[in-house]
C-alpha atoms as a PDB file:
ATOM      1  CA  UNK A   1      96.886  51.126-190.917  1.00  0.00           C
ATOM      2  CA  UNK A   2      93.092  52.399-190.965  1.00  0.00           C
ATOM      3  CA  UNK A   3      91.403  49.217-189.448  1.00  0.00           C
ATOM      4  CA  UNK A   4      94.545  49.364-186.702  1.00  0.00           C
ATOM      5  CA  UNK A   5      93.158  52.706-185.488  1.00  0.00           C
ATOM      6  CA  UNK A   6      89.406  52.010-185.777  1.00  0.00           C
ATOM      7  CA  UNK A   7      90.373  48.239-183.580  1.00  0.00           C
ATOM      8  CA  UNK A   8      92.363  50.567-181.164  1.00  0.00           C
ATOM      9  CA  UNK A   9      89.771  53.522-180.636  1.00  0.00           C
ATOM     10  CA  UNK A  10      87.091  50.605-179.911  1.00  0.00           C
ATOM     11  CA  UNK A  11      89.114  49.002-177.319  1.00  0.00           C
ATOM     12  CA  UNK A  12      89.649  52.294-175.659  1.00  0.00           C
ATOM     13  CA  UNK A  13      85.315  53.383-176.156  1.00  0.00           C
ATOM     14  CA  UNK A  14      84.602  49.489-174.403  1.00  0.00           C
ATOM     15  CA  UNK A  15      86.666  50.095-171.500  1.00  0.00           C
ATOM     16  CA  UNK A  16      86.480  53.643-170.810  1.00  0.00           C
ATOM     17  CA  UNK A  17      82.665  52.463-170.871  1.00  0.00           C
ATOM     18  CA  UNK A  18      83.341  49.619-168.678  1.00  0.00           C
ATOM     19  CA  UNK A  19      85.284  51.550-165.816  1.00  0.00           C
ATOM     20  CA  UNK A  20      82.365  54.783-166.104  1.00  0.00           C
ATOM     21  CA  UNK A  21      79.586  51.682-165.321  1.00  0.00           C
ATOM     22  CA  UNK A  22      81.330  49.918-162.588  1.00  0.00           C
ATOM     23  CA  UNK A  23      82.463  53.298-160.832  1.00  0.00           C
ATOM     24  CA  UNK A  24      78.626  54.343-160.836  1.00  0.00           C
ATOM     25  CA  UNK A  25      76.999  51.661-159.691  1.00  0.00           C
ATOM     26  CA  UNK A  26      77.281  52.897-156.269  1.00  0.00           C
ATOM     27  CA  UNK A  27      77.106  56.646-155.513  1.00  0.00           C
ATOM     28  CA  UNK A  28      79.863  58.824-154.408  1.00  0.00           C
ATOM     29  CA  UNK A  29      79.449  59.688-150.424  1.00  0.00           C
ATOM     30  CA  UNK A  30      78.773  62.648-150.543  1.00  0.00           C
ATOM     31  CA  UNK A  31      75.543  62.564-152.941  1.00  0.00           C
ATOM     32  CA  UNK A  32      74.266  60.332-149.730  1.00  0.00           C
ATOM     33  CA  UNK A  33      74.798  62.570-147.215  1.00  0.00           C
ATOM     34  CA  UNK A  34      76.663  66.326-146.742  1.00  0.00           C
ATOM     35  CA  UNK A  35      79.273  67.404-143.573  1.00  0.00           C
ATOM     36  CA  UNK A  36      77.641  69.364-141.073  1.00  0.00           C
ATOM     37  CA  UNK A  37      79.516  72.416-142.371  1.00  0.00           C
ATOM     38  CA  UNK A  38      77.890  74.674-140.175  1.00  0.00           C
ATOM     39  CA  UNK A  39      79.093  72.894-136.841  1.00  0.00           C
ATOM     40  CA  UNK A  40      83.020  72.776-138.261  1.00  0.00           C
ATOM     41  CA  UNK A  41      82.878  69.398-139.685  1.00  0.00           C
ATOM     42  CA  UNK A  42      84.276  68.804-143.266  1.00  0.00           C
ATOM     43  CA  UNK A  43      83.860  65.895-145.541  1.00  0.00           C
ATOM     44  CA  UNK A  44      86.977  63.670-145.093  1.00  0.00           C
ATOM     45  CA  UNK A  45      89.104  62.058-148.165  1.00  0.00           C
ATOM     46  CA  UNK A  46      88.764  58.647-146.469  1.00  0.00           C
ATOM     47  CA  UNK A  47      84.580  58.457-146.988  1.00  0.00           C
ATOM     48  CA  UNK A  48      84.254  55.567-149.352  1.00  0.00           C
ATOM     49  CA  UNK A  49      81.271  53.417-150.896  1.00  0.00           C
ATOM     50  CA  UNK A  50      81.147  49.699-151.984  1.00  0.00           C
ATOM     51  CA  UNK A  51      78.842  46.903-153.175  1.00  0.00           C
ATOM     52  CA  UNK A  52      78.164  44.535-150.361  1.00  0.00           C
ATOM     53  CA  UNK A  53      75.898  41.610-150.427  1.00  0.00           C
ATOM     54  CA  UNK A  54      74.112  40.416-146.658  1.00  0.00           C
ATOM     55  CA  UNK A  55      75.874  38.016-144.755  1.00  0.00           C
ATOM     56  CA  UNK A  56      79.292  40.381-146.240  1.00  0.00           C
ATOM     57  CA  UNK A  57      81.954  41.576-144.819  1.00  0.00           C
ATOM     58  CA  UNK A  58      84.537  44.245-144.999  1.00  0.00           C
ATOM     59  CA  UNK A  59      87.088  45.944-143.525  1.00  0.00           C
ATOM     60  CA  UNK A  60      88.578  49.263-143.864  1.00  0.00           C
ATOM     61  CA  UNK A  61      91.712  51.017-143.211  1.00  0.00           C
ATOM     62  CA  UNK A  62      91.733  54.382-141.844  1.00  0.00           C
ATOM     63  CA  UNK A  63      93.896  56.549-140.421  1.00  0.00           C
ATOM     64  CA  UNK A  64      93.088  59.191-137.326  1.00  0.00           C
ATOM     65  CA  UNK A  65      95.589  61.982-136.904  1.00  0.00           C
ATOM     66  CA  UNK A  66      96.029  63.455-133.909  1.00  0.00           C
ATOM     67  CA  UNK A  67      94.421  66.657-132.516  1.00  0.00           C
ATOM     68  CA  UNK A  68      91.625  65.815-134.899  1.00  0.00           C
ATOM     69  CA  UNK A  69      87.743  64.728-133.973  1.00  0.00           C
ATOM     70  CA  UNK A  70      86.222  62.389-135.846  1.00  0.00           C
ATOM     71  CA  UNK A  71      82.617  61.037-136.824  1.00  0.00           C
ATOM     72  CA  UNK A  72      81.650  58.044-138.958  1.00  0.00           C
ATOM     73  CA  UNK A  73      78.554  57.577-140.105  1.00  0.00           C
ATOM     74  CA  UNK A  74      77.655  54.034-142.102  1.00  0.00           C
ATOM     75  CA  UNK A  75      74.330  53.391-144.254  1.00  0.00           C
ATOM     76  CA  UNK A  76      73.471  50.744-146.924  1.00  0.00           C
ATOM     77  CA  UNK A  77      70.719  50.702-149.660  1.00  0.00           C
ATOM     78  CA  UNK A  78      70.115  50.459-153.225  1.00  0.00           C
ATOM     79  CA  UNK A  79      67.714  53.947-153.470  1.00  0.00           C
ATOM     80  CA  UNK A  80      66.687  54.773-150.266  1.00  0.00           C
ATOM     81  CA  UNK A  81      69.467  54.003-147.459  1.00  0.00           C
ATOM     82  CA  UNK A  82      69.543  53.391-144.265  1.00  0.00           C
ATOM     83  CA  UNK A  83      72.244  52.513-140.790  1.00  0.00           C
ATOM     84  CA  UNK A  84      69.329  50.019-139.610  1.00  0.00           C
ATOM     85  CA  UNK A  85      71.018  46.746-141.411  1.00  0.00           C
ATOM     86  CA  UNK A  86      74.841  47.583-140.613  1.00  0.00           C
ATOM     87  CA  UNK A  87      77.171  46.829-138.102  1.00  0.00           C
ATOM     88  CA  UNK A  88      80.325  47.698-137.605  1.00  0.00           C
ATOM     89  CA  UNK A  89      83.548  48.291-135.300  1.00  0.00           C
ATOM     90  CA  UNK A  90      86.212  50.729-134.818  1.00  0.00           C
ATOM     91  CA  UNK A  91      88.983  48.286-134.027  1.00  0.00           C
ATOM     92  CA  UNK A  92      93.112  49.660-133.176  1.00  0.00           C
ATOM     93  CA  UNK A  93      95.803  47.866-131.669  1.00  0.00           C
ATOM     94  CA  UNK A  94      97.562  48.568-128.090  1.00  0.00           C
ATOM     95  CA  UNK A  95     100.735  47.232-127.079  1.00  0.00           C
ATOM     96  CA  UNK A  96     100.272  44.936-123.313  1.00  0.00           C
ATOM     97  CA  UNK A  97     102.454  43.657-121.208  1.00  0.00           C
ATOM     98  CA  UNK A  98     101.645  39.803-120.553  1.00  0.00           C
ATOM     99  CA  UNK A  99     102.303  36.692-119.271  1.00  0.00           C
ATOM    100  CA  UNK A 100     103.341  33.639-121.126  1.00  0.00           C
ATOM    101  CA  UNK A 101     105.471  30.209-120.351  1.00  0.00           C
ATOM    102  CA  UNK A 102     105.884  32.251-116.899  1.00  0.00           C
ATOM    103  CA  UNK A 103     107.737  35.167-118.207  1.00  0.00           C
ATOM    104  CA  UNK A 104     106.586  39.009-119.137  1.00  0.00           C
ATOM    105  CA  UNK A 105     106.594  39.940-122.867  1.00  0.00           C
ATOM    106  CA  UNK A 106     104.849  42.313-124.974  1.00  0.00           C
ATOM    107  CA  UNK A 107     102.270  41.976-127.520  1.00  0.00           C
ATOM    108  CA  UNK A 108     100.282  43.875-129.740  1.00  0.00           C
ATOM    109  CA  UNK A 109      96.882  43.303-129.048  1.00  0.00           C
ATOM    110  CA  UNK A 110      93.405  44.363-131.226  1.00  0.00           C
ATOM    111  CA  UNK A 111      91.143  45.978-128.922  1.00  0.00           C
ATOM    112  CA  UNK A 112      87.425  47.240-130.298  1.00  0.00           C
ATOM    113  CA  UNK A 113      86.909  50.839-129.457  1.00  0.00           C
ATOM    114  CA  UNK A 114      83.369  50.965-130.599  1.00  0.00           C
ATOM    115  CA  UNK A 115      80.887  48.550-131.367  1.00  0.00           C
ATOM    116  CA  UNK A 116      77.849  50.043-133.676  1.00  0.00           C
ATOM    117  CA  UNK A 117      75.253  47.925-131.708  1.00  0.00           C
ATOM    118  CA  UNK A 118      76.395  49.764-128.224  1.00  0.00           C
ATOM    119  CA  UNK A 119      75.281  53.168-130.327  1.00  0.00           C
ATOM    120  CA  UNK A 120      72.228  54.582-129.340  1.00  0.00           C
ATOM    121  CA  UNK A 121      69.157  55.545-132.329  1.00  0.00           C
ATOM    122  CA  UNK A 122      70.092  59.334-132.362  1.00  0.00           C
ATOM    123  CA  UNK A 123      73.688  59.345-131.460  1.00  0.00           C
ATOM    124  CA  UNK A 124      76.582  59.367-134.092  1.00  0.00           C
ATOM    125  CA  UNK A 125      79.496  57.596-133.512  1.00  0.00           C
ATOM    126  CA  UNK A 126      82.773  60.055-132.723  1.00  0.00           C
ATOM    127  CA  UNK A 127      85.889  60.310-131.649  1.00  0.00           C
ATOM    128  CA  UNK A 128      89.397  62.150-130.766  1.00  0.00           C
ATOM    129  CA  UNK A 129      92.920  60.862-130.352  1.00  0.00           C
ATOM    130  CA  UNK A 130      95.385  62.592-129.179  1.00  0.00           C
ATOM    131  CA  UNK A 131      98.266  60.653-131.275  1.00  0.00           C
ATOM    132  CA  UNK A 132      97.874  59.396-134.977  1.00  0.00           C
ATOM    133  CA  UNK A 133      96.811  56.253-134.905  1.00  0.00           C
ATOM    134  CA  UNK A 134      96.092  53.228-138.004  1.00  0.00           C
ATOM    135  CA  UNK A 135      92.864  52.366-137.385  1.00  0.00           C
ATOM    136  CA  UNK A 136      90.248  49.356-139.098  1.00  0.00           C
ATOM    137  CA  UNK A 137      86.745  49.918-140.021  1.00  0.00           C
ATOM    138  CA  UNK A 138      85.462  46.300-139.702  1.00  0.00           C
ATOM    139  CA  UNK A 139      81.649  46.189-141.127  1.00  0.00           C
ATOM    140  CA  UNK A 140      79.285  43.147-142.194  1.00  0.00           C
ATOM    141  CA  UNK A 141      75.494  43.443-144.114  1.00  0.00           C
ATOM    142  CA  UNK A 142      73.159  42.195-142.197  1.00  0.00           C
ATOM    143  CA  UNK A 143      70.363  40.059-143.932  1.00  0.00           C
ATOM    144  CA  UNK A 144      69.624  36.809-145.287  1.00  0.00           C
ATOM    145  CA  UNK A 145      72.770  35.369-146.397  1.00  0.00           C
ATOM    146  CA  UNK A 146      71.296  33.596-149.706  1.00  0.00           C
ATOM    147  CA  UNK A 147      69.685  36.825-150.829  1.00  0.00           C
ATOM    148  CA  UNK A 148      71.153  38.053-154.122  1.00  0.00           C
ATOM    149  CA  UNK A 149      70.629  41.596-153.463  1.00  0.00           C
ATOM    150  CA  UNK A 150      73.860  43.513-153.890  1.00  0.00           C
ATOM    151  CA  UNK A 151      73.450  46.928-151.703  1.00  0.00           C
ATOM    152  CA  UNK A 152      76.120  49.974-151.409  1.00  0.00           C
ATOM    153  CA  UNK A 153      77.571  50.285-148.552  1.00  0.00           C
ATOM    154  CA  UNK A 154      78.688  54.053-147.847  1.00  0.00           C
ATOM    155  CA  UNK A 155      81.233  55.360-145.330  1.00  0.00           C
ATOM    156  CA  UNK A 156      80.978  58.750-144.693  1.00  0.00           C
ATOM    157  CA  UNK A 157      84.302  60.182-142.798  1.00  0.00           C
ATOM    158  CA  UNK A 158      84.141  63.987-141.169  1.00  0.00           C
ATOM    159  CA  UNK A 159      86.592  65.462-139.284  1.00  0.00           C
ATOM    160  CA  UNK A 160      87.198  69.396-137.389  1.00  0.00           C
ATOM    161  CA  UNK A 161      90.020  69.947-135.643  1.00  0.00           C
ATOM    162  CA  UNK A 162      90.117  69.562-131.846  1.00  0.00           C
ATOM    163  CA  UNK A 163      89.586  72.717-129.664  1.00  0.00           C
ATOM    164  CA  UNK A 164      92.210  72.698-127.678  1.00  0.00           C
ATOM    165  CA  UNK A 165      91.314  73.007-123.692  1.00  0.00           C
ATOM    166  CA  UNK A 166      93.122  74.674-120.840  1.00  0.00           C
ATOM    167  CA  UNK A 167      96.020  77.082-120.450  1.00  0.00           C
END
């Protein structure tokens, strides 16, 4: 019985150590970037980090709630983080009327709402929506594709309540 408890304890220790090492490879998004609380922004729980190699691409599902404004910053690095080698798009879908075989049908089509290549240098990506939508963040880490260097990619999402105007 004592031998069983010793083996069981050892196995739990190894699993816990492995889990903590795998979780500690990329820092938490809030360790890299801080929300602009003075301007009303707060960190969103959809912020994430993950490891990618140059040439890799990744998609994250994202829920944007109606009446909220969002700001998304994506950076990569090992110890110093920058936004220079990450490209990303914010993609959603719309239902459009199209002609197919002489008939009008409604078809769901993917729409790119934002592309980081069209972003000016000091500009941050922000948007709001009037209704809740399921969106995707598609990102790609640029660099030499044969590189074995794994970098952490940080997706930092901030949100704040949209200011209603009008009477």
